[in-house]
Amino acid sequence: MTSNEFVKLCKECEAMLRAAAPVDTGNLRKDAIKIEIVGNTCRLYVDDSIAPYMPYTNEPWEQKLIKMGNFKKGETVTRLRTWSNPNEGWFDRVVQLIAEHIAEKLGGEIKV
């Protein structure tokens, strides 16, 4: 693999990660995903100083009592949060896709 092919592969993996990242404000997708290519090493990561909440976008949400307000002026309501994280597992899934993409490009295989 040439240096240019390596850089291209790294950029493809970066694009896959960005495309899979959940979007609310766009901070995670646009600002927190970083890539560093030095020689024959590629580091693709989410900068936790920019998006420290990133792990919570991937993990299941526990069911717990939460306080919600603004139903009536000055009133708060305690209720059980029963909804699931709509993005649960997104990072795990895209990491698997990236690994498969790299293996395909390099003619290797993924062993689990």
PDB file of N, CA and C in Angstrom:
ATOM      1  N   MET A   1       0.856  -1.175   0.000  1.00  0.00           N
ATOM      2  CA  MET A   1       0.000   0.000   0.000  1.00  0.00           C
ATOM      3  C   MET A   1       0.899   1.235   0.000  1.00  0.00           C
ATOM      4  N   THR A   2       0.626   2.128  -0.928  1.00  0.00           N
ATOM      5  CA  THR A   2       1.408   3.361  -1.003  1.00  0.00           C
ATOM      6  C   THR A   2       0.958   4.341   0.082  1.00  0.00           C
ATOM      7  N   SER A   3       1.756   5.355   0.279  1.00  0.00           N
ATOM      8  CA  SER A   3       1.427   6.385   1.270  1.00  0.00           C
ATOM      9  C   SER A   3       0.111   7.071   0.926  1.00  0.00           C
ATOM     10  N   ASN A   4      -0.087   7.376  -0.348  1.00  0.00           N
ATOM     11  CA  ASN A   4      -1.335   8.023  -0.777  1.00  0.00           C
ATOM     12  C   ASN A   4      -2.549   7.122  -0.569  1.00  0.00           C
ATOM     13  N   GLU A   5      -2.391   5.832  -0.833  1.00  0.00           N
ATOM     14  CA  GLU A   5      -3.481   4.883  -0.612  1.00  0.00           C
ATOM     15  C   GLU A   5      -3.819   4.774   0.877  1.00  0.00           C
ATOM     16  N   PHE A   6      -2.770   4.816   1.715  1.00  0.00           N
ATOM     17  CA  PHE A   6      -2.978   4.758   3.158  1.00  0.00           C
ATOM     18  C   PHE A   6      -3.760   5.979   3.641  1.00  0.00           C
ATOM     19  N   VAL A   7      -3.368   7.153   3.190  1.00  0.00           N
ATOM     20  CA  VAL A   7      -4.065   8.382   3.585  1.00  0.00           C
ATOM     21  C   VAL A   7      -5.518   8.331   3.105  1.00  0.00           C
ATOM     22  N   LYS A   8      -5.722   7.848   1.888  1.00  0.00           N
ATOM     23  CA  LYS A   8      -7.084   7.739   1.351  1.00  0.00           C
ATOM     24  C   LYS A   8      -7.924   6.797   2.210  1.00  0.00           C
ATOM     25  N   LEU A   9      -7.365   5.660   2.604  1.00  0.00           N
ATOM     26  CA  LEU A   9      -8.078   4.706   3.452  1.00  0.00           C
ATOM     27  C   LEU A   9      -8.424   5.339   4.802  1.00  0.00           C
ATOM     28  N   CYS A  10      -7.492   6.070   5.383  1.00  0.00           N
ATOM     29  CA  CYS A  10      -7.746   6.747   6.665  1.00  0.00           C
ATOM     30  C   CYS A  10      -8.879   7.755   6.526  1.00  0.00           C
ATOM     31  N   LYS A  11      -8.873   8.514   5.453  1.00  0.00           N
ATOM     32  CA  LYS A  11      -9.935   9.505   5.219  1.00  0.00           C
ATOM     33  C   LYS A  11     -11.290   8.834   4.998  1.00  0.00           C
ATOM     34  N   GLU A  12     -11.301   7.672   4.343  1.00  0.00           N
ATOM     35  CA  GLU A  12     -12.546   6.929   4.173  1.00  0.00           C
ATOM     36  C   GLU A  12     -13.107   6.491   5.529  1.00  0.00           C
ATOM     37  N   CYS A  13     -12.212   6.035   6.403  1.00  0.00           N
ATOM     38  CA  CYS A  13     -12.637   5.615   7.745  1.00  0.00           C
ATOM     39  C   CYS A  13     -13.154   6.803   8.549  1.00  0.00           C
ATOM     40  N   GLU A  14     -12.503   7.946   8.415  1.00  0.00           N
ATOM     41  CA  GLU A  14     -12.962   9.162   9.080  1.00  0.00           C
ATOM     42  C   GLU A  14     -14.372   9.531   8.593  1.00  0.00           C
ATOM     43  N   ALA A  15     -14.582   9.451   7.302  1.00  0.00           N
ATOM     44  CA  ALA A  15     -15.898   9.779   6.725  1.00  0.00           C
ATOM     45  C   ALA A  15     -16.965   8.821   7.241  1.00  0.00           C
ATOM     46  N   MET A  16     -16.613   7.557   7.398  1.00  0.00           N
ATOM     47  CA  MET A  16     -17.564   6.575   7.920  1.00  0.00           C
ATOM     48  C   MET A  16     -17.950   6.914   9.361  1.00  0.00           C
ATOM     49  N   LEU A  17     -16.959   7.299  10.170  1.00  0.00           N
ATOM     50  CA  LEU A  17     -17.229   7.654  11.566  1.00  0.00           C
ATOM     51  C   LEU A  17     -18.093   8.902  11.651  1.00  0.00           C
ATOM     52  N   ARG A  18     -17.756   9.920  10.871  1.00  0.00           N
ATOM     53  CA  ARG A  18     -18.553  11.160  10.869  1.00  0.00           C
ATOM     54  C   ARG A  18     -19.995  10.901  10.423  1.00  0.00           C
ATOM     55  N   ALA A  19     -20.156  10.084   9.399  1.00  0.00           N
ATOM     56  CA  ALA A  19     -21.497   9.814   8.878  1.00  0.00           C
ATOM     57  C   ALA A  19     -22.359   9.066   9.892  1.00  0.00           C
ATOM     58  N   ALA A  20     -21.739   8.243  10.720  1.00  0.00           N
ATOM     59  CA  ALA A  20     -22.495   7.443  11.689  1.00  0.00           C
ATOM     60  C   ALA A  20     -22.783   8.191  12.982  1.00  0.00           C
ATOM     61  N   ALA A  21     -22.030   9.260  13.259  1.00  0.00           N
ATOM     62  CA  ALA A  21     -22.183   9.978  14.527  1.00  0.00           C
ATOM     63  C   ALA A  21     -23.562  10.622  14.631  1.00  0.00           C
ATOM     64  N   PRO A  22     -24.197  10.496  15.795  1.00  0.00           N
ATOM     65  CA  PRO A  22     -25.501  11.140  15.972  1.00  0.00           C
ATOM     66  C   PRO A  22     -25.356  12.661  15.947  1.00  0.00           C
ATOM     67  N   VAL A  23     -26.396  13.329  15.506  1.00  0.00           N
ATOM     68  CA  VAL A  23     -26.354  14.784  15.395  1.00  0.00           C
ATOM     69  C   VAL A  23     -27.480  15.396  16.214  1.00  0.00           C
ATOM     70  N   ASP A  24     -27.106  16.248  17.129  1.00  0.00           N
ATOM     71  CA  ASP A  24     -28.072  17.098  17.832  1.00  0.00           C
ATOM     72  C   ASP A  24     -27.651  18.523  17.526  1.00  0.00           C
ATOM     73  N   THR A  25     -26.531  18.936  18.086  1.00  0.00           N
ATOM     74  CA  THR A  25     -26.007  20.266  17.785  1.00  0.00           C
ATOM     75  C   THR A  25     -24.997  20.221  16.642  1.00  0.00           C
ATOM     76  N   GLY A  26     -24.474  19.033  16.335  1.00  0.00           N
ATOM     77  CA  GLY A  26     -23.454  18.892  15.302  1.00  0.00           C
ATOM     78  C   GLY A  26     -22.047  18.918  15.864  1.00  0.00           C
ATOM     79  N   ASN A  27     -21.898  19.193  17.156  1.00  0.00           N
ATOM     80  CA  ASN A  27     -20.583  19.290  17.771  1.00  0.00           C
ATOM     81  C   ASN A  27     -19.794  17.990  17.662  1.00  0.00           C
ATOM     82  N   LEU A  28     -20.434  16.875  17.968  1.00  0.00           N
ATOM     83  CA  LEU A  28     -19.753  15.583  17.915  1.00  0.00           C
ATOM     84  C   LEU A  28     -19.292  15.280  16.499  1.00  0.00           C
ATOM     85  N   ARG A  29     -20.188  15.379  15.544  1.00  0.00           N
ATOM     86  CA  ARG A  29     -19.874  15.033  14.155  1.00  0.00           C
ATOM     87  C   ARG A  29     -18.874  16.011  13.524  1.00  0.00           C
ATOM     88  N   LYS A  30     -19.087  17.294  13.720  1.00  0.00           N
ATOM     89  CA  LYS A  30     -18.270  18.297  13.015  1.00  0.00           C
ATOM     90  C   LYS A  30     -16.961  18.640  13.719  1.00  0.00           C
ATOM     91  N   ASP A  31     -16.990  18.701  15.049  1.00  0.00           N
ATOM     92  CA  ASP A  31     -15.836  19.236  15.774  1.00  0.00           C
ATOM     93  C   ASP A  31     -15.030  18.201  16.550  1.00  0.00           C
ATOM     94  N   ALA A  32     -15.681  17.196  17.114  1.00  0.00           N
ATOM     95  CA  ALA A  32     -15.000  16.305  18.052  1.00  0.00           C
ATOM     96  C   ALA A  32     -14.286  15.125  17.392  1.00  0.00           C
ATOM     97  N   ILE A  33     -14.682  14.744  16.201  1.00  0.00           N
ATOM     98  CA  ILE A  33     -14.019  13.634  15.517  1.00  0.00           C
ATOM     99  C   ILE A  33     -12.730  14.158  14.903  1.00  0.00           C
ATOM    100  N   LYS A  34     -11.631  13.513  15.287  1.00  0.00           N
ATOM    101  CA  LYS A  34     -10.305  13.961  14.861  1.00  0.00           C
ATOM    102  C   LYS A  34      -9.570  12.820  14.175  1.00  0.00           C
ATOM    103  N   ILE A  35      -8.655  13.191  13.293  1.00  0.00           N
ATOM    104  CA  ILE A  35      -7.796  12.213  12.634  1.00  0.00           C
ATOM    105  C   ILE A  35      -6.369  12.766  12.640  1.00  0.00           C
ATOM    106  N   GLU A  36      -5.433  11.897  12.959  1.00  0.00           N
ATOM    107  CA  GLU A  36      -4.011  12.240  12.924  1.00  0.00           C
ATOM    108  C   GLU A  36      -3.297  11.159  12.126  1.00  0.00           C
ATOM    109  N   ILE A  37      -2.614  11.567  11.075  1.00  0.00           N
ATOM    110  CA  ILE A  37      -1.870  10.626  10.244  1.00  0.00           C
ATOM    111  C   ILE A  37      -0.398  11.019  10.327  1.00  0.00           C
ATOM    112  N   VAL A  38       0.402  10.123  10.895  1.00  0.00           N
ATOM    113  CA  VAL A  38       1.835  10.356  11.024  1.00  0.00           C
ATOM    114  C   VAL A  38       2.547   9.117  10.507  1.00  0.00           C
ATOM    115  N   GLY A  39       3.244   9.280   9.400  1.00  0.00           N
ATOM    116  CA  GLY A  39       3.938   8.141   8.804  1.00  0.00           C
ATOM    117  C   GLY A  39       2.949   7.054   8.423  1.00  0.00           C
ATOM    118  N   ASN A  40       3.176   5.848   8.971  1.00  0.00           N
ATOM    119  CA  ASN A  40       2.276   4.732   8.664  1.00  0.00           C
ATOM    120  C   ASN A  40       1.301   4.457   9.816  1.00  0.00           C
ATOM    121  N   THR A  41       0.996   5.497  10.584  1.00  0.00           N
ATOM    122  CA  THR A  41       0.047   5.378  11.693  1.00  0.00           C
ATOM    123  C   THR A  41      -1.103   6.353  11.503  1.00  0.00           C
ATOM    124  N   CYS A  42      -2.290   5.846  11.698  1.00  0.00           N
ATOM    125  CA  CYS A  42      -3.493   6.673  11.608  1.00  0.00           C
ATOM    126  C   CYS A  42      -4.223   6.571  12.936  1.00  0.00           C
ATOM    127  N   ARG A  43      -4.487   7.718  13.526  1.00  0.00           N
ATOM    128  CA  ARG A  43      -5.239   7.754  14.787  1.00  0.00           C
ATOM    129  C   ARG A  43      -6.554   8.476  14.516  1.00  0.00           C
ATOM    130  N   LEU A  44      -7.649   7.755  14.659  1.00  0.00           N
ATOM    131  CA  LEU A  44      -8.989   8.281  14.454  1.00  0.00           C
ATOM    132  C   LEU A  44      -9.697   8.189  15.801  1.00  0.00           C
ATOM    133  N   TYR A  45     -10.177   9.324  16.319  1.00  0.00           N
ATOM    134  CA  TYR A  45     -10.739   9.322  17.666  1.00  0.00           C
ATOM    135  C   TYR A  45     -11.738  10.448  17.853  1.00  0.00           C
ATOM    136  N   VAL A  46     -12.459  10.374  18.971  1.00  0.00           N
ATOM    137  CA  VAL A  46     -13.377  11.434  19.372  1.00  0.00           C
ATOM    138  C   VAL A  46     -12.701  12.184  20.515  1.00  0.00           C
ATOM    139  N   ASP A  47     -12.473  13.467  20.341  1.00  0.00           N
ATOM    140  CA  ASP A  47     -11.808  14.296  21.341  1.00  0.00           C
ATOM    141  C   ASP A  47     -12.762  14.533  22.511  1.00  0.00           C
ATOM    142  N   ASP A  48     -12.433  13.942  23.659  1.00  0.00           N
ATOM    143  CA  ASP A  48     -13.346  14.047  24.798  1.00  0.00           C
ATOM    144  C   ASP A  48     -13.307  15.408  25.482  1.00  0.00           C
ATOM    145  N   SER A  49     -12.371  16.257  25.100  1.00  0.00           N
ATOM    146  CA  SER A  49     -12.415  17.627  25.626  1.00  0.00           C
ATOM    147  C   SER A  49     -13.441  18.463  24.865  1.00  0.00           C
ATOM    148  N   ILE A  50     -13.804  18.033  23.668  1.00  0.00           N
ATOM    149  CA  ILE A  50     -14.809  18.731  22.863  1.00  0.00           C
ATOM    150  C   ILE A  50     -16.195  18.119  23.067  1.00  0.00           C
ATOM    151  N   ALA A  51     -16.258  16.801  23.140  1.00  0.00           N
ATOM    152  CA  ALA A  51     -17.545  16.113  23.323  1.00  0.00           C
ATOM    153  C   ALA A  51     -17.424  15.097  24.465  1.00  0.00           C
ATOM    154  N   PRO A  52     -17.350  15.579  25.713  1.00  0.00           N
ATOM    155  CA  PRO A  52     -17.197  14.653  26.838  1.00  0.00           C
ATOM    156  C   PRO A  52     -18.413  13.742  27.036  1.00  0.00           C
ATOM    157  N   TYR A  53     -19.512  14.069  26.422  1.00  0.00           N
ATOM    158  CA  TYR A  53     -20.751  13.298  26.530  1.00  0.00           C
ATOM    159  C   TYR A  53     -20.808  12.128  25.555  1.00  0.00           C
ATOM    160  N   MET A  54     -19.828  12.007  24.680  1.00  0.00           N
ATOM    161  CA  MET A  54     -19.875  11.007  23.619  1.00  0.00           C
ATOM    162  C   MET A  54     -20.186   9.601  24.127  1.00  0.00           C
ATOM    163  N   PRO A  55     -19.565   9.112  25.227  1.00  0.00           N
ATOM    164  CA  PRO A  55     -19.888   7.745  25.655  1.00  0.00           C
ATOM    165  C   PRO A  55     -21.377   7.545  25.943  1.00  0.00           C
ATOM    166  N   TYR A  56     -22.041   8.597  26.407  1.00  0.00           N
ATOM    167  CA  TYR A  56     -23.467   8.483  26.730  1.00  0.00           C
ATOM    168  C   TYR A  56     -24.334   8.379  25.474  1.00  0.00           C
ATOM    169  N   THR A  57     -23.796   8.810  24.332  1.00  0.00           N
ATOM    170  CA  THR A  57     -24.556   8.668  23.088  1.00  0.00           C
ATOM    171  C   THR A  57     -24.558   7.225  22.606  1.00  0.00           C
ATOM    172  N   ASN A  58     -23.612   6.432  23.092  1.00  0.00           N
ATOM    173  CA  ASN A  58     -23.457   5.054  22.638  1.00  0.00           C
ATOM    174  C   ASN A  58     -24.053   4.035  23.610  1.00  0.00           C
ATOM    175  N   GLU A  59     -24.128   4.388  24.870  1.00  0.00           N
ATOM    176  CA  GLU A  59     -24.524   3.446  25.914  1.00  0.00           C
ATOM    177  C   GLU A  59     -26.034   3.412  26.131  1.00  0.00           C
ATOM    178  N   PRO A  60     -26.531   2.309  26.706  1.00  0.00           N
ATOM    179  CA  PRO A  60     -27.955   2.258  27.044  1.00  0.00           C
ATOM    180  C   PRO A  60     -28.264   3.265  28.148  1.00  0.00           C
ATOM    181  N   TRP A  61     -29.449   3.806  28.114  1.00  0.00           N
ATOM    182  CA  TRP A  61     -29.895   4.711  29.173  1.00  0.00           C
ATOM    183  C   TRP A  61     -30.589   3.882  30.230  1.00  0.00           C
ATOM    184  N   GLU A  62     -30.223   4.126  31.471  1.00  0.00           N
ATOM    185  CA  GLU A  62     -30.899   3.403  32.544  1.00  0.00           C
ATOM    186  C   GLU A  62     -32.253   4.039  32.803  1.00  0.00           C
ATOM    187  N   GLN A  63     -33.161   3.227  33.237  1.00  0.00           N
ATOM    188  CA  GLN A  63     -34.471   3.755  33.595  1.00  0.00           C
ATOM    189  C   GLN A  63     -34.358   4.328  34.996  1.00  0.00           C
ATOM    190  N   LYS A  64     -34.742   5.571  35.161  1.00  0.00           N
ATOM    191  CA  LYS A  64     -34.629   6.212  36.469  1.00  0.00           C
ATOM    192  C   LYS A  64     -35.666   7.313  36.601  1.00  0.00           C
ATOM    193  N   LEU A  65     -35.849   7.740  37.830  1.00  0.00           N
ATOM    194  CA  LEU A  65     -36.764   8.842  38.080  1.00  0.00           C
ATOM    195  C   LEU A  65     -36.103  10.149  37.676  1.00  0.00           C
ATOM    196  N   ILE A  66     -36.819  10.958  36.932  1.00  0.00           N
ATOM    197  CA  ILE A  66     -36.310  12.266  36.527  1.00  0.00           C
ATOM    198  C   ILE A  66     -37.354  13.318  36.872  1.00  0.00           C
ATOM    199  N   LYS A  67     -36.886  14.537  37.047  1.00  0.00           N
ATOM    200  CA  LYS A  67     -37.798  15.647  37.299  1.00  0.00           C
ATOM    201  C   LYS A  67     -37.973  16.416  36.000  1.00  0.00           C
ATOM    202  N   MET A  68     -39.208  16.694  35.692  1.00  0.00           N
ATOM    203  CA  MET A  68     -39.535  17.454  34.496  1.00  0.00           C
ATOM    204  C   MET A  68     -40.338  18.664  34.932  1.00  0.00           C
ATOM    205  N   GLY A  69     -40.101  19.786  34.300  1.00  0.00           N
ATOM    206  CA  GLY A  69     -40.791  21.004  34.708  1.00  0.00           C
ATOM    207  C   GLY A  69     -41.593  21.628  33.592  1.00  0.00           C
ATOM    208  N   ASN A  70     -42.143  22.800  33.905  1.00  0.00           N
ATOM    209  CA  ASN A  70     -42.852  23.647  32.955  1.00  0.00           C
ATOM    210  C   ASN A  70     -44.192  23.091  32.487  1.00  0.00           C
ATOM    211  N   PHE A  71     -44.801  22.206  33.271  1.00  0.00           N
ATOM    212  CA  PHE A  71     -46.151  21.776  32.932  1.00  0.00           C
ATOM    213  C   PHE A  71     -47.138  22.864  33.369  1.00  0.00           C
ATOM    214  N   LYS A  72     -46.960  23.305  34.595  1.00  0.00           N
ATOM    215  CA  LYS A  72     -47.682  24.458  35.119  1.00  0.00           C
ATOM    216  C   LYS A  72     -46.633  25.318  35.795  1.00  0.00           C
ATOM    217  N   LYS A  73     -46.823  26.589  35.805  1.00  0.00           N
ATOM    218  CA  LYS A  73     -45.831  27.500  36.349  1.00  0.00           C
ATOM    219  C   LYS A  73     -45.420  27.072  37.762  1.00  0.00           C
ATOM    220  N   GLY A  74     -44.101  26.854  37.937  1.00  0.00           N
ATOM    221  CA  GLY A  74     -43.555  26.489  39.233  1.00  0.00           C
ATOM    222  C   GLY A  74     -43.717  25.027  39.618  1.00  0.00           C
ATOM    223  N   GLU A  75     -44.337  24.218  38.759  1.00  0.00           N
ATOM    224  CA  GLU A  75     -44.592  22.820  39.088  1.00  0.00           C
ATOM    225  C   GLU A  75     -43.572  21.918  38.404  1.00  0.00           C
ATOM    226  N   THR A  76     -43.066  20.959  39.145  1.00  0.00           N
ATOM    227  CA  THR A  76     -42.233  19.922  38.539  1.00  0.00           C
ATOM    228  C   THR A  76     -42.914  18.587  38.766  1.00  0.00           C
ATOM    229  N   VAL A  77     -42.672  17.665  37.875  1.00  0.00           N
ATOM    230  CA  VAL A  77     -43.287  16.347  37.943  1.00  0.00           C
ATOM    231  C   VAL A  77     -42.158  15.323  37.946  1.00  0.00           C
ATOM    232  N   THR A  78     -42.238  14.366  38.846  1.00  0.00           N
ATOM    233  CA  THR A  78     -41.275  13.277  38.861  1.00  0.00           C
ATOM    234  C   THR A  78     -41.907  12.100  38.132  1.00  0.00           C
ATOM    235  N   ARG A  79     -41.158  11.558  37.200  1.00  0.00           N
ATOM    236  CA  ARG A  79     -41.662  10.404  36.465  1.00  0.00           C
ATOM    237  C   ARG A  79     -40.519   9.466  36.133  1.00  0.00           C
ATOM    238  N   LEU A  80     -40.839   8.260  35.785  1.00  0.00           N
ATOM    239  CA  LEU A  80     -39.841   7.266  35.423  1.00  0.00           C
ATOM    240  C   LEU A  80     -39.508   7.420  33.944  1.00  0.00           C
ATOM    241  N   ARG A  81     -38.217   7.633  33.664  1.00  0.00           N
ATOM    242  CA  ARG A  81     -37.792   7.688  32.258  1.00  0.00           C
ATOM    243  C   ARG A  81     -37.708   6.261  31.756  1.00  0.00           C
ATOM    244  N   THR A  82     -38.531   5.944  30.797  1.00  0.00           N
ATOM    245  CA  THR A  82     -38.603   4.575  30.282  1.00  0.00           C
ATOM    246  C   THR A  82     -38.178   4.474  28.822  1.00  0.00           C
ATOM    247  N   TRP A  83     -37.827   5.587  28.219  1.00  0.00           N
ATOM    248  CA  TRP A  83     -37.457   5.514  26.811  1.00  0.00           C
ATOM    249  C   TRP A  83     -35.999   5.103  26.669  1.00  0.00           C
ATOM    250  N   SER A  84     -35.668   4.595  25.521  1.00  0.00           N
ATOM    251  CA  SER A  84     -34.333   4.073  25.236  1.00  0.00           C
ATOM    252  C   SER A  84     -33.503   5.114  24.507  1.00  0.00           C
ATOM    253  N   ASN A  85     -32.197   4.926  24.557  1.00  0.00           N
ATOM    254  CA  ASN A  85     -31.273   5.775  23.812  1.00  0.00           C
ATOM    255  C   ASN A  85     -31.440   5.449  22.325  1.00  0.00           C
ATOM    256  N   PRO A  86     -31.878   6.407  21.522  1.00  0.00           N
ATOM    257  CA  PRO A  86     -32.090   6.119  20.095  1.00  0.00           C
ATOM    258  C   PRO A  86     -30.790   5.860  19.336  1.00  0.00           C
ATOM    259  N   ASN A  87     -29.658   6.256  19.911  1.00  0.00           N
ATOM    260  CA  ASN A  87     -28.362   6.078  19.244  1.00  0.00           C
ATOM    261  C   ASN A  87     -27.555   4.913  19.816  1.00  0.00           C
ATOM    262  N   GLU A  88     -28.145   4.179  20.728  1.00  0.00           N
ATOM    263  CA  GLU A  88     -27.424   3.129  21.447  1.00  0.00           C
ATOM    264  C   GLU A  88     -26.653   2.215  20.495  1.00  0.00           C
ATOM    265  N   GLY A  89     -25.362   2.067  20.759  1.00  0.00           N
ATOM    266  CA  GLY A  89     -24.517   1.166  19.985  1.00  0.00           C
ATOM    267  C   GLY A  89     -23.959   1.715  18.690  1.00  0.00           C
ATOM    268  N   TRP A  90     -24.210   2.989  18.384  1.00  0.00           N
ATOM    269  CA  TRP A  90     -23.772   3.528  17.097  1.00  0.00           C
ATOM    270  C   TRP A  90     -22.255   3.414  16.935  1.00  0.00           C
ATOM    271  N   PHE A  91     -21.502   3.717  17.987  1.00  0.00           N
ATOM    272  CA  PHE A  91     -20.040   3.701  17.891  1.00  0.00           C
ATOM    273  C   PHE A  91     -19.540   2.274  17.698  1.00  0.00           C
ATOM    274  N   ASP A  92     -20.102   1.338  18.449  1.00  0.00           N
ATOM    275  CA  ASP A  92     -19.702  -0.062  18.319  1.00  0.00           C
ATOM    276  C   ASP A  92     -19.938  -0.577  16.901  1.00  0.00           C
ATOM    277  N   ARG A  93     -21.090  -0.205  16.339  1.00  0.00           N
ATOM    278  CA  ARG A  93     -21.416  -0.660  14.975  1.00  0.00           C
ATOM    279  C   ARG A  93     -20.464  -0.067  13.941  1.00  0.00           C
ATOM    280  N   VAL A  94     -20.162   1.226  14.062  1.00  0.00           N
ATOM    281  CA  VAL A  94     -19.301   1.841  13.047  1.00  0.00           C
ATOM    282  C   VAL A  94     -17.855   1.366  13.179  1.00  0.00           C
ATOM    283  N   VAL A  95     -17.399   1.080  14.393  1.00  0.00           N
ATOM    284  CA  VAL A  95     -16.047   0.539  14.560  1.00  0.00           C
ATOM    285  C   VAL A  95     -15.943  -0.815  13.862  1.00  0.00           C
ATOM    286  N   GLN A  96     -16.971  -1.635  13.990  1.00  0.00           N
ATOM    287  CA  GLN A  96     -16.990  -2.927  13.300  1.00  0.00           C
ATOM    288  C   GLN A  96     -16.962  -2.729  11.781  1.00  0.00           C
ATOM    289  N   LEU A  97     -17.751  -1.782  11.274  1.00  0.00           N
ATOM    290  CA  LEU A  97     -17.763  -1.504   9.830  1.00  0.00           C
ATOM    291  C   LEU A  97     -16.407  -1.001   9.350  1.00  0.00           C
ATOM    292  N   ILE A  98     -15.772  -0.146  10.143  1.00  0.00           N
ATOM    293  CA  ILE A  98     -14.454   0.387   9.769  1.00  0.00           C
ATOM    294  C   ILE A  98     -13.428  -0.742   9.730  1.00  0.00           C
ATOM    295  N   ALA A  99     -13.452  -1.622  10.735  1.00  0.00           N
ATOM    296  CA  ALA A  99     -12.520  -2.749  10.751  1.00  0.00           C
ATOM    297  C   ALA A  99     -12.724  -3.646   9.528  1.00  0.00           C
ATOM    298  N   GLU A 100     -13.969  -3.909   9.174  1.00  0.00           N
ATOM    299  CA  GLU A 100     -14.261  -4.726   7.994  1.00  0.00           C
ATOM    300  C   GLU A 100     -13.800  -4.024   6.716  1.00  0.00           C
ATOM    301  N   HIS A 101     -13.975  -2.706   6.660  1.00  0.00           N
ATOM    302  CA  HIS A 101     -13.543  -1.926   5.489  1.00  0.00           C
ATOM    303  C   HIS A 101     -12.026  -2.009   5.324  1.00  0.00           C
ATOM    304  N   ILE A 102     -11.305  -1.850   6.422  1.00  0.00           N
ATOM    305  CA  ILE A 102      -9.841  -1.927   6.379  1.00  0.00           C
ATOM    306  C   ILE A 102      -9.400  -3.322   5.950  1.00  0.00           C
ATOM    307  N   ALA A 103     -10.023  -4.342   6.519  1.00  0.00           N
ATOM    308  CA  ALA A 103      -9.671  -5.719   6.156  1.00  0.00           C
ATOM    309  C   ALA A 103      -9.907  -5.977   4.678  1.00  0.00           C
ATOM    310  N   GLU A 104     -11.025  -5.474   4.164  1.00  0.00           N
ATOM    311  CA  GLU A 104     -11.334  -5.662   2.748  1.00  0.00           C
ATOM    312  C   GLU A 104     -10.296  -4.971   1.868  1.00  0.00           C
ATOM    313  N   LYS A 105      -9.929  -3.745   2.215  1.00  0.00           N
ATOM    314  CA  LYS A 105      -8.959  -3.001   1.422  1.00  0.00           C
ATOM    315  C   LYS A 105      -7.574  -3.631   1.461  1.00  0.00           C
ATOM    316  N   LEU A 106      -7.218  -4.247   2.600  1.00  0.00           N
ATOM    317  CA  LEU A 106      -5.888  -4.829   2.742  1.00  0.00           C
ATOM    318  C   LEU A 106      -5.843  -6.319   2.413  1.00  0.00           C
ATOM    319  N   GLY A 107      -7.008  -6.886   2.105  1.00  0.00           N
ATOM    320  CA  GLY A 107      -7.056  -8.305   1.764  1.00  0.00           C
ATOM    321  C   GLY A 107      -6.922  -9.207   2.977  1.00  0.00           C
ATOM    322  N   GLY A 108      -7.295  -8.694   4.139  1.00  0.00           N
ATOM    323  CA  GLY A 108      -7.207  -9.480   5.374  1.00  0.00           C
ATOM    324  C   GLY A 108      -8.575  -9.953   5.798  1.00  0.00           C
ATOM    325  N   GLU A 109      -8.649 -10.434   7.014  1.00  0.00           N
ATOM    326  CA  GLU A 109      -9.911 -10.884   7.564  1.00  0.00           C
ATOM    327  C   GLU A 109      -9.980 -10.493   9.031  1.00  0.00           C
ATOM    328  N   ILE A 110     -11.197 -10.348   9.529  1.00  0.00           N
ATOM    329  CA  ILE A 110     -11.445 -10.003  10.920  1.00  0.00           C
ATOM    330  C   ILE A 110     -11.755 -11.289  11.668  1.00  0.00           C
ATOM    331  N   LYS A 111     -11.020 -11.527  12.747  1.00  0.00           N
ATOM    332  CA  LYS A 111     -11.298 -12.704  13.586  1.00  0.00           C
ATOM    333  C   LYS A 111     -11.805 -12.184  14.924  1.00  0.00           C
ATOM    334  N   VAL A 112     -12.944 -12.699  15.327  1.00  0.00           N
ATOM    335  CA  VAL A 112     -13.540 -12.287  16.592  1.00  0.00           C
ATOM    336  C   VAL A 112     -13.416 -13.396  17.603  1.00  0.00           C
TER     337      VAL A 112
END
